[in-house]
């Protein structure tokens, strides 16, 4: 069974790169450029793992994470140094995308 991964980032190019880097025969990647659409999709069909950008229009990654099932693995990816969140993410990763760390997080789920 494929691992389902959702990636939320308001920059379409980064979504495309994420999908190209991490989608394979064992991993299904679904990307969203709108956090509100991502929220609807997650509530209807939760992924195994969520990666979300921090700063997005309308809803940041922390606000999105707070609305989701606590059991869902949630990872924050941000280009901002020293982002402080009240929410306890499973991991906080830097931009540009750290492929090694993301592969490790996805592999842990296999």
Protein backbone atom coordinates (compact mmCIF):
# COMPACT_ATOMS: atom_id res chain seq x y z
CA UNK A 1 0.00 0.00 0.00
CA UNK A 2 1.30 3.44 -0.95
CA UNK A 3 2.13 6.02 1.68
CA UNK A 4 0.07 9.14 1.13
CA UNK A 5 1.81 12.48 1.62
CA UNK A 6 0.19 15.90 1.36
CA UNK A 7 2.32 18.98 0.79
CA UNK A 8 0.89 22.49 1.28
CA UNK A 9 2.74 25.55 -0.03
CA UNK A 10 1.41 28.68 -1.71
CA UNK A 11 4.27 28.59 -4.23
CA UNK A 12 3.26 26.29 -7.14
CA UNK A 13 6.86 25.76 -8.26
CA UNK A 14 7.86 24.37 -4.87
CA UNK A 15 4.85 22.04 -4.94
CA UNK A 16 5.97 20.75 -8.35
CA UNK A 17 9.53 20.19 -7.13
CA UNK A 18 8.29 18.39 -4.00
CA UNK A 19 6.14 16.07 -6.10
CA UNK A 20 8.99 15.33 -8.53
CA UNK A 21 11.48 14.63 -5.74
CA UNK A 22 9.40 12.41 -3.50
CA UNK A 23 6.72 10.69 -5.59
CA UNK A 24 7.53 7.09 -6.47
CA UNK A 25 5.98 3.64 -6.62
CA UNK A 26 5.69 3.56 -2.81
CA UNK A 27 4.76 7.20 -2.15
CA UNK A 28 1.76 9.15 -3.42
CA UNK A 29 2.19 12.94 -3.26
CA UNK A 30 -0.74 15.36 -3.38
CA UNK A 31 0.08 19.06 -3.34
CA UNK A 32 -2.03 22.10 -2.48
CA UNK A 33 -1.32 25.79 -3.04
CA UNK A 34 -4.35 26.82 -0.96
CA UNK A 35 -4.38 25.88 2.74
CA UNK A 36 -8.19 26.02 2.88
CA UNK A 37 -8.50 23.45 0.07
CA UNK A 38 -5.85 21.35 1.80
CA UNK A 39 -7.83 21.46 5.05
CA UNK A 40 -10.99 20.24 3.29
CA UNK A 41 -9.10 17.41 1.60
CA UNK A 42 -7.33 16.36 4.80
CA UNK A 43 -10.58 16.26 6.76
CA UNK A 44 -12.20 14.13 4.03
CA UNK A 45 -9.26 11.83 3.37
CA UNK A 46 -6.33 12.22 5.78
CA UNK A 47 -2.84 11.46 4.47
CA UNK A 48 -0.25 9.43 6.33
CA UNK A 49 2.06 12.44 6.51
CA UNK A 50 1.57 16.19 6.09
CA UNK A 51 4.25 18.70 5.16
CA UNK A 52 3.20 22.34 5.25
CA UNK A 53 4.80 25.69 4.61
CA UNK A 54 4.55 28.19 7.46
CA UNK A 55 3.71 31.52 5.83
CA UNK A 56 0.75 31.32 3.42
CA UNK A 57 -2.06 33.77 2.66
CA UNK A 58 -5.17 33.36 4.79
CA UNK A 59 -3.93 30.57 7.03
CA UNK A 60 -0.40 29.73 8.14
CA UNK A 61 0.93 26.22 8.62
CA UNK A 62 0.49 26.35 12.38
CA UNK A 63 -3.18 27.29 12.10
CA UNK A 64 -3.70 24.47 9.59
CA UNK A 65 -2.00 21.92 11.85
CA UNK A 66 -4.11 22.92 14.86
CA UNK A 67 -7.31 22.03 12.97
CA UNK A 68 -6.21 18.45 12.25
CA UNK A 69 -6.31 15.09 14.01
CA UNK A 70 -3.54 14.94 16.63
CA UNK A 71 -2.52 11.48 15.34
CA UNK A 72 -1.61 12.84 11.89
CA UNK A 73 2.16 13.29 11.39
CA UNK A 74 2.65 17.04 10.77
CA UNK A 75 5.88 18.59 9.55
CA UNK A 76 6.58 22.28 9.06
CA UNK A 77 8.81 23.46 6.22
CA UNK A 78 9.85 27.11 6.35
CA UNK A 79 12.35 29.51 4.87
CA UNK A 80 12.15 31.69 7.96
CA UNK A 81 14.83 31.44 10.60
CA UNK A 82 13.71 31.18 14.21
CA UNK A 83 10.03 30.45 13.59
CA UNK A 84 8.46 29.93 17.00
CA UNK A 85 5.17 28.07 17.07
CA UNK A 86 2.93 27.05 19.94
CA UNK A 87 2.08 23.90 18.02
CA UNK A 88 4.38 20.90 18.45
CA UNK A 89 5.20 19.69 14.93
CA UNK A 90 6.79 16.27 14.43
CA UNK A 91 9.62 18.10 12.64
CA UNK A 92 10.50 21.63 11.57
CA UNK A 93 12.53 21.60 8.36
CA UNK A 94 14.32 24.40 6.51
CA UNK A 95 13.78 25.68 3.00
CA UNK A 96 15.22 25.04 0.53
CA UNK A 97 13.85 21.50 0.76
CA UNK A 98 16.18 19.16 2.62
CA UNK A 99 15.67 16.01 0.55
CA UNK A 100 17.59 13.76 2.94
CA UNK A 101 15.46 14.71 5.97
CA UNK A 102 12.20 14.48 4.02
CA UNK A 103 13.13 11.03 2.66
CA UNK A 104 13.91 9.93 6.24
CA UNK A 105 10.53 11.14 7.51
CA UNK A 106 8.69 9.38 4.69
CA UNK A 107 10.77 6.19 5.12
CA UNK A 108 9.91 6.03 8.83
CA UNK A 109 6.28 5.58 7.82
CA UNK A 110 6.94 2.54 5.58
